[in-house]
């Protein structure tokens, strides 16, 4: 991972478009937890996207 803090944003894509899910600055040598939330305004399948500059991810846990 880089030596600087890296912004990470979670977005959820539904049939209605993209919704903001949460954001964080990931720090070097530190576990980071992205916390956020959204209200679903559509039914059906959804895709979860992470927007990152450049970051080595060693472990991702998603709790729904």
Protein backbone atom coordinates (compact mmCIF):
# COMPACT_ATOMS: atom_id res chain seq x y z
CA UNK A 1 0.00 0.00 0.00
CA UNK A 2 1.11 3.54 -0.56
CA UNK A 3 2.50 5.65 2.28
CA UNK A 4 -0.40 8.13 2.12
CA UNK A 5 -4.05 7.81 3.10
CA UNK A 6 -6.14 6.56 0.18
CA UNK A 7 -9.83 7.47 -0.26
CA UNK A 8 -12.17 4.51 -0.80
CA UNK A 9 -15.83 5.00 -1.75
CA UNK A 10 -18.58 2.36 -1.94
CA UNK A 11 -21.36 2.80 -4.48
CA UNK A 12 -24.41 0.58 -5.07
CA UNK A 13 -25.86 0.36 -8.58
CA UNK A 14 -29.57 -0.45 -8.80
CA UNK A 15 -32.10 -0.15 -11.59
CA UNK A 16 -32.61 3.45 -10.46
CA UNK A 17 -28.90 4.35 -10.82
CA UNK A 18 -25.95 4.71 -8.44
CA UNK A 19 -26.38 5.36 -4.71
CA UNK A 20 -23.64 6.41 -2.29
CA UNK A 21 -22.91 3.63 0.23
CA UNK A 22 -20.06 5.02 2.34
CA UNK A 23 -16.53 6.41 2.26
CA UNK A 24 -13.28 6.15 4.20
CA UNK A 25 -9.60 7.06 4.04
CA UNK A 26 -7.64 3.79 4.18
CA UNK A 27 -4.41 4.25 6.15
CA UNK A 28 -1.09 2.43 5.73
CA UNK A 29 -0.53 -0.50 8.11
CA UNK A 30 -4.01 -0.14 9.56
CA UNK A 31 -7.23 -2.10 9.33
CA UNK A 32 -9.99 0.12 7.99
CA UNK A 33 -13.74 -0.33 8.18
CA UNK A 34 -16.03 1.36 5.71
CA UNK A 35 -19.27 2.21 7.48
CA UNK A 36 -22.22 3.77 5.78
CA UNK A 37 -25.74 3.07 4.75
CA UNK A 38 -28.39 3.75 2.22
CA UNK A 39 -32.12 3.41 1.80
CA UNK A 40 -33.16 1.13 -1.04
CA UNK A 41 -35.60 2.84 -3.37
CA UNK A 42 -35.76 0.00 -5.90
CA UNK A 43 -36.28 -3.75 -5.85
CA UNK A 44 -34.21 -6.34 -7.66
CA UNK A 45 -30.53 -7.06 -8.06
CA UNK A 46 -27.85 -4.54 -7.11
CA UNK A 47 -24.11 -4.34 -7.74
CA UNK A 48 -21.57 -3.11 -5.17
CA UNK A 49 -18.65 -1.05 -6.52
CA UNK A 50 -15.57 0.24 -4.71
CA UNK A 51 -13.89 3.34 -6.08
CA UNK A 52 -10.21 3.48 -5.15
CA UNK A 53 -7.17 5.29 -6.52
CA UNK A 54 -4.57 2.53 -6.10
CA UNK A 55 -4.62 0.20 -3.13
CA UNK A 56 -3.50 -3.32 -2.33
CA UNK A 57 -6.41 -5.06 -0.62
CA UNK A 58 -5.43 -8.06 1.47
CA UNK A 59 -8.82 -8.89 2.90
CA UNK A 60 -12.37 -7.72 2.25
CA UNK A 61 -15.29 -8.74 4.44
CA UNK A 62 -18.80 -7.71 3.45
CA UNK A 63 -21.54 -7.96 6.08
CA UNK A 64 -25.09 -7.54 4.84
